[in-house]
């Protein structure tokens, strides 16, 4: 009698373990999907921001260059420097390889975790 109960509990335990393994796999897949969607949204937002900022940067560069030529003062061009850094960063984020480089340097992506499928 004890053997039958023990065997039933053992089968039940195996079934629960299989269910938990499948549930964990599904959760990991869902987490990866959510992370990929968030990354896609971030890239889309950056590309949209870049359209507006690129227009502003282009106009600012033309206006500041014109002002520097008219005043014969190259110091008027100084605001272009920080604006160019912001523009370059967002361009690299939207159209370059910035996210791949960040993932390559990240501790989370460089070490294998125990919860891999």
N, C-alpha and C. Protein backbone atom coordinates (compact mmCIF):
# COMPACT_ATOMS: atom_id res chain seq x y z
N UNK A 1 0.82 -1.18 0.00
CA UNK A 1 0.00 0.00 0.00
C UNK A 1 0.87 1.25 0.00
N UNK A 2 1.94 1.23 0.80
CA UNK A 2 2.83 2.38 0.86
C UNK A 2 3.54 2.61 -0.46
N UNK A 3 3.84 1.54 -1.16
CA UNK A 3 4.52 1.64 -2.45
C UNK A 3 3.63 2.34 -3.48
N UNK A 4 2.35 2.03 -3.47
CA UNK A 4 1.40 2.63 -4.42
C UNK A 4 1.27 4.12 -4.17
N UNK A 5 1.17 4.51 -2.90
CA UNK A 5 1.06 5.94 -2.56
C UNK A 5 2.35 6.65 -2.91
N UNK A 6 3.48 6.02 -2.59
CA UNK A 6 4.77 6.62 -2.89
C UNK A 6 4.95 6.79 -4.40
N UNK A 7 4.53 5.80 -5.17
CA UNK A 7 4.65 5.88 -6.63
C UNK A 7 3.75 6.97 -7.18
N UNK A 8 2.54 7.10 -6.65
CA UNK A 8 1.62 8.15 -7.10
C UNK A 8 2.18 9.52 -6.77
N UNK A 9 2.75 9.66 -5.58
CA UNK A 9 3.33 10.95 -5.20
C UNK A 9 4.55 11.26 -6.06
N UNK A 10 5.32 10.24 -6.38
CA UNK A 10 6.50 10.41 -7.22
C UNK A 10 6.09 10.87 -8.63
N UNK A 11 5.05 10.24 -9.18
CA UNK A 11 4.54 10.64 -10.50
C UNK A 11 4.00 12.06 -10.46
N UNK A 12 3.30 12.38 -9.36
CA UNK A 12 2.76 13.73 -9.20
C UNK A 12 3.89 14.75 -9.12
N UNK A 13 4.94 14.42 -8.39
CA UNK A 13 6.09 15.31 -8.26
C UNK A 13 6.77 15.52 -9.60
N UNK A 14 6.93 14.46 -10.37
CA UNK A 14 7.53 14.59 -11.71
C UNK A 14 6.67 15.47 -12.61
N UNK A 15 5.37 15.30 -12.52
CA UNK A 15 4.46 16.12 -13.31
C UNK A 15 4.55 17.59 -12.93
N UNK A 16 4.65 17.87 -11.62
CA UNK A 16 4.78 19.24 -11.15
C UNK A 16 6.12 19.85 -11.59
N UNK A 17 7.16 19.05 -11.53
CA UNK A 17 8.48 19.55 -11.95
C UNK A 17 8.48 19.88 -13.44
N UNK A 18 7.86 19.03 -14.24
CA UNK A 18 7.77 19.29 -15.68
C UNK A 18 6.95 20.56 -15.95
N UNK A 19 5.85 20.70 -15.21
CA UNK A 19 5.02 21.90 -15.37
C UNK A 19 5.80 23.15 -14.99
N UNK A 20 6.56 23.09 -13.89
CA UNK A 20 7.35 24.24 -13.46
C UNK A 20 8.44 24.56 -14.48
N UNK A 21 9.06 23.54 -15.06
CA UNK A 21 10.09 23.76 -16.08
C UNK A 21 9.50 24.44 -17.30
N UNK A 22 8.32 23.96 -17.75
CA UNK A 22 7.65 24.57 -18.90
C UNK A 22 7.24 26.00 -18.59
N UNK A 23 6.76 26.22 -17.38
CA UNK A 23 6.34 27.57 -17.00
C UNK A 23 7.54 28.52 -16.96
N UNK A 24 8.67 28.05 -16.47
CA UNK A 24 9.89 28.85 -16.44
C UNK A 24 10.35 29.18 -17.85
N UNK A 25 10.31 28.20 -18.74
CA UNK A 25 10.68 28.45 -20.14
C UNK A 25 9.78 29.51 -20.76
N UNK A 26 8.49 29.39 -20.52
CA UNK A 26 7.55 30.38 -21.06
C UNK A 26 7.82 31.77 -20.50
N UNK A 27 8.12 31.86 -19.21
CA UNK A 27 8.42 33.15 -18.61
C UNK A 27 9.68 33.76 -19.21
N UNK A 28 10.69 32.94 -19.42
CA UNK A 28 11.93 33.45 -20.02
C UNK A 28 11.70 33.94 -21.44
N UNK A 29 10.92 33.19 -22.19
CA UNK A 29 10.60 33.61 -23.56
C UNK A 29 9.83 34.92 -23.54
N UNK A 30 8.86 35.03 -22.63
CA UNK A 30 8.08 36.26 -22.53
C UNK A 30 8.94 37.43 -22.10
N UNK A 31 9.85 37.22 -21.16
CA UNK A 31 10.75 38.29 -20.73
C UNK A 31 11.64 38.75 -21.89
N UNK A 32 12.15 37.81 -22.67
CA UNK A 32 12.97 38.18 -23.83
C UNK A 32 12.16 38.96 -24.84
N UNK A 33 10.92 38.54 -25.07
CA UNK A 33 10.04 39.25 -26.00
C UNK A 33 9.77 40.66 -25.52
N UNK A 34 9.49 40.82 -24.24
CA UNK A 34 9.25 42.16 -23.68
C UNK A 34 10.49 43.03 -23.81
N UNK A 35 11.66 42.46 -23.51
CA UNK A 35 12.91 43.23 -23.62
C UNK A 35 13.17 43.65 -25.06
N UNK A 36 12.91 42.75 -26.01
CA UNK A 36 13.10 43.09 -27.43
C UNK A 36 12.14 44.19 -27.86
N UNK A 37 10.91 44.13 -27.39
CA UNK A 37 9.94 45.18 -27.73
C UNK A 37 10.34 46.51 -27.12
N UNK A 38 10.83 46.50 -25.88
CA UNK A 38 11.28 47.74 -25.26
C UNK A 38 12.46 48.33 -26.03
N UNK A 39 13.37 47.47 -26.46
CA UNK A 39 14.51 47.94 -27.24
C UNK A 39 14.05 48.53 -28.57
N UNK A 40 13.10 47.87 -29.20
CA UNK A 40 12.56 48.39 -30.47
C UNK A 40 11.88 49.74 -30.27
N UNK A 41 11.15 49.87 -29.17
CA UNK A 41 10.50 51.16 -28.88
C UNK A 41 11.54 52.24 -28.61
N UNK A 42 12.61 51.88 -27.92
CA UNK A 42 13.66 52.85 -27.64
C UNK A 42 14.33 53.31 -28.93
N UNK A 43 14.59 52.39 -29.83
CA UNK A 43 15.20 52.75 -31.11
C UNK A 43 14.25 53.62 -31.93
N UNK A 44 12.97 53.25 -31.94
CA UNK A 44 11.99 54.05 -32.68
C UNK A 44 11.89 55.46 -32.10
N UNK A 45 11.88 55.57 -30.77
CA UNK A 45 11.81 56.89 -30.14
C UNK A 45 13.04 57.71 -30.51
N UNK A 46 14.21 57.08 -30.49
CA UNK A 46 15.45 57.78 -30.80
C UNK A 46 15.44 58.27 -32.25
N UNK A 47 14.96 57.44 -33.15
CA UNK A 47 14.90 57.86 -34.56
C UNK A 47 13.94 59.02 -34.76
N UNK A 48 12.82 58.99 -34.04
CA UNK A 48 11.86 60.10 -34.13
C UNK A 48 12.46 61.37 -33.53
N UNK A 49 13.13 61.25 -32.39
CA UNK A 49 13.79 62.39 -31.77
C UNK A 49 14.86 62.95 -32.69
N UNK A 50 15.57 62.05 -33.37
CA UNK A 50 16.65 62.48 -34.24
C UNK A 50 16.15 63.33 -35.40
N UNK A 51 14.95 63.06 -35.87
CA UNK A 51 14.38 63.88 -36.95
C UNK A 51 14.26 65.34 -36.51
N UNK A 52 13.69 65.53 -35.33
CA UNK A 52 13.50 66.89 -34.84
C UNK A 52 14.81 67.54 -34.42
N UNK A 53 15.62 66.79 -33.70
CA UNK A 53 16.89 67.36 -33.25
C UNK A 53 17.83 67.61 -34.42
N UNK A 54 17.80 66.74 -35.42
CA UNK A 54 18.63 66.94 -36.61
C UNK A 54 18.26 68.22 -37.34
N UNK A 55 16.96 68.48 -37.42
CA UNK A 55 16.50 69.73 -38.04
C UNK A 55 17.00 70.93 -37.24
N UNK A 56 16.83 70.86 -35.91
CA UNK A 56 17.31 71.94 -35.05
C UNK A 56 18.82 72.11 -35.18
N UNK A 57 19.56 71.00 -35.17
CA UNK A 57 21.01 71.06 -35.26
C UNK A 57 21.45 71.67 -36.59
N UNK A 58 20.81 71.26 -37.67
CA UNK A 58 21.15 71.81 -38.99
C UNK A 58 20.90 73.31 -39.06
N UNK A 59 19.73 73.74 -38.58
CA UNK A 59 19.43 75.18 -38.57
C UNK A 59 20.40 75.94 -37.67
N UNK A 60 20.68 75.39 -36.50
CA UNK A 60 21.61 76.06 -35.58
C UNK A 60 23.00 76.17 -36.21
N UNK A 61 23.44 75.13 -36.89
CA UNK A 61 24.76 75.17 -37.52
C UNK A 61 24.82 76.24 -38.60
N UNK A 62 23.77 76.32 -39.41
CA UNK A 62 23.74 77.34 -40.47
C UNK A 62 23.70 78.74 -39.88
N UNK A 63 22.84 78.95 -38.88
CA UNK A 63 22.71 80.27 -38.27
C UNK A 63 23.99 80.67 -37.54
N UNK A 64 24.57 79.74 -36.79
CA UNK A 64 25.80 80.07 -36.07
C UNK A 64 26.97 80.30 -37.02
N UNK A 65 27.04 79.53 -38.09
CA UNK A 65 28.11 79.74 -39.08
C UNK A 65 27.95 81.10 -39.75
N UNK A 66 26.72 81.44 -40.10
CA UNK A 66 26.46 82.75 -40.71
C UNK A 66 26.83 83.87 -39.74
N UNK A 67 26.45 83.69 -38.46
CA UNK A 67 26.79 84.70 -37.45
C UNK A 67 28.29 84.82 -37.25
N UNK A 68 29.00 83.71 -37.28
CA UNK A 68 30.46 83.75 -37.10
C UNK A 68 31.13 84.45 -38.28
N UNK A 69 30.60 84.21 -39.49
CA UNK A 69 31.18 84.87 -40.67
C UNK A 69 30.90 86.36 -40.65
N UNK A 70 29.67 86.74 -40.33
CA UNK A 70 29.30 88.17 -40.32
C UNK A 70 30.05 88.93 -39.23
N UNK A 71 30.20 88.33 -38.06
CA UNK A 71 30.87 89.02 -36.95
C UNK A 71 32.38 88.81 -36.97
N UNK A 72 32.83 87.91 -37.82
CA UNK A 72 34.26 87.57 -37.90
C UNK A 72 34.79 87.14 -36.52
N UNK A 73 33.94 86.32 -35.86
CA UNK A 73 34.28 85.83 -34.53
C UNK A 73 34.00 84.33 -34.49
N UNK A 74 35.02 83.48 -34.54
CA UNK A 74 34.79 82.03 -34.55
C UNK A 74 34.23 81.49 -33.22
N UNK A 75 34.27 82.28 -32.16
CA UNK A 75 33.74 81.83 -30.87
C UNK A 75 32.24 81.62 -30.93
N UNK A 76 31.58 82.22 -31.90
CA UNK A 76 30.13 82.05 -32.05
C UNK A 76 29.80 80.60 -32.40
N UNK A 77 30.75 79.87 -32.97
CA UNK A 77 30.52 78.48 -33.37
C UNK A 77 30.61 77.48 -32.20
N UNK A 78 31.01 77.92 -31.03
CA UNK A 78 31.20 77.01 -29.89
C UNK A 78 29.96 76.19 -29.52
N UNK A 79 28.74 76.72 -29.58
CA UNK A 79 27.58 75.88 -29.23
C UNK A 79 27.38 74.67 -30.15
N UNK A 80 28.01 74.68 -31.30
CA UNK A 80 27.87 73.53 -32.21
C UNK A 80 28.56 72.29 -31.62
N UNK A 81 29.60 72.48 -30.84
CA UNK A 81 30.35 71.34 -30.30
C UNK A 81 29.49 70.44 -29.40
N UNK A 82 28.85 70.96 -28.34
CA UNK A 82 28.02 70.04 -27.53
C UNK A 82 26.81 69.52 -28.29
N UNK A 83 26.26 70.34 -29.19
CA UNK A 83 25.13 69.88 -29.99
C UNK A 83 25.54 68.73 -30.90
N UNK A 84 26.77 68.77 -31.40
CA UNK A 84 27.23 67.69 -32.27
C UNK A 84 27.41 66.39 -31.49
N UNK A 85 27.81 66.48 -30.22
CA UNK A 85 27.92 65.27 -29.39
C UNK A 85 26.56 64.63 -29.17
N UNK A 86 25.57 65.47 -28.87
CA UNK A 86 24.21 64.95 -28.66
C UNK A 86 23.69 64.33 -29.95
N UNK A 87 23.91 65.01 -31.06
CA UNK A 87 23.45 64.49 -32.35
C UNK A 87 24.13 63.16 -32.68
N UNK A 88 25.44 63.09 -32.45
CA UNK A 88 26.18 61.85 -32.75
C UNK A 88 25.70 60.69 -31.88
N UNK A 89 25.46 60.98 -30.61
CA UNK A 89 24.99 59.93 -29.71
C UNK A 89 23.64 59.38 -30.16
N UNK A 90 22.72 60.26 -30.46
CA UNK A 90 21.39 59.80 -30.87
C UNK A 90 21.42 59.14 -32.25
N UNK A 91 22.28 59.60 -33.12
CA UNK A 91 22.40 58.95 -34.43
C UNK A 91 22.93 57.53 -34.26
N UNK A 92 23.94 57.38 -33.41
CA UNK A 92 24.51 56.06 -33.15
C UNK A 92 23.49 55.15 -32.48
N UNK A 93 22.67 55.72 -31.60
CA UNK A 93 21.65 54.93 -30.92
C UNK A 93 20.56 54.48 -31.90
N UNK A 94 20.17 55.34 -32.80
CA UNK A 94 19.07 55.02 -33.71
C UNK A 94 19.47 54.23 -34.93
N UNK A 95 20.65 54.51 -35.47
CA UNK A 95 21.05 53.89 -36.73
C UNK A 95 22.38 53.15 -36.67
N UNK A 96 23.07 53.26 -35.55
CA UNK A 96 24.38 52.64 -35.43
C UNK A 96 24.35 51.37 -34.60
N UNK A 97 25.46 51.09 -33.98
CA UNK A 97 25.62 49.85 -33.25
C UNK A 97 25.77 50.09 -31.74
N UNK A 98 25.25 51.20 -31.25
CA UNK A 98 25.42 51.54 -29.83
C UNK A 98 24.83 50.47 -28.92
N UNK A 99 23.63 50.00 -29.21
CA UNK A 99 23.00 49.02 -28.33
C UNK A 99 23.77 47.70 -28.30
N UNK A 100 24.32 47.28 -29.45
CA UNK A 100 25.11 46.05 -29.47
C UNK A 100 26.39 46.23 -28.65
N UNK A 101 27.01 47.40 -28.71
CA UNK A 101 28.22 47.64 -27.94
C UNK A 101 27.91 47.69 -26.44
N UNK A 102 26.75 48.27 -26.08
CA UNK A 102 26.35 48.30 -24.68
C UNK A 102 26.11 46.89 -24.17
N UNK A 103 25.42 46.07 -24.97
CA UNK A 103 25.17 44.69 -24.56
C UNK A 103 26.47 43.92 -24.44
N UNK A 104 27.43 44.18 -25.31
CA UNK A 104 28.71 43.49 -25.26
C UNK A 104 29.50 43.82 -24.01
N UNK A 105 29.33 45.01 -23.47
CA UNK A 105 30.06 45.42 -22.28
C UNK A 105 29.28 45.17 -20.99
N UNK A 106 28.03 44.82 -21.12
CA UNK A 106 27.18 44.64 -19.95
C UNK A 106 27.53 43.36 -19.20
N UNK A 107 27.50 43.44 -17.91
CA UNK A 107 27.77 42.27 -17.07
C UNK A 107 26.67 41.24 -17.22
N UNK A 108 25.44 41.69 -17.37
CA UNK A 108 24.31 40.77 -17.48
C UNK A 108 24.40 39.91 -18.73
N UNK A 109 24.90 40.45 -19.81
CA UNK A 109 24.94 39.71 -21.05
C UNK A 109 26.25 38.96 -21.26
N UNK A 110 27.29 39.32 -20.51
CA UNK A 110 28.57 38.66 -20.73
C UNK A 110 28.72 37.38 -19.91
N UNK A 111 28.05 37.30 -18.78
CA UNK A 111 28.12 36.09 -17.96
C UNK A 111 26.88 35.24 -18.21
N UNK A 112 27.07 33.97 -18.29
CA UNK A 112 25.94 33.06 -18.47
C UNK A 112 25.19 32.94 -17.15
N UNK A 113 23.89 33.02 -17.26
CA UNK A 113 23.08 32.89 -16.05
C UNK A 113 22.66 31.46 -15.86
N UNK A 114 22.18 31.14 -14.70
CA UNK A 114 21.75 29.78 -14.40
C UNK A 114 20.40 29.47 -15.03
N UNK A 115 19.65 30.51 -15.38
CA UNK A 115 18.31 30.30 -15.92
C UNK A 115 18.29 30.43 -17.43
N UNK A 116 19.06 29.61 -18.11
CA UNK A 116 19.05 29.59 -19.55
C UNK A 116 18.20 28.45 -20.05
N UNK A 117 17.61 28.67 -21.20
CA UNK A 117 16.77 27.61 -21.80
C UNK A 117 17.65 26.60 -22.49
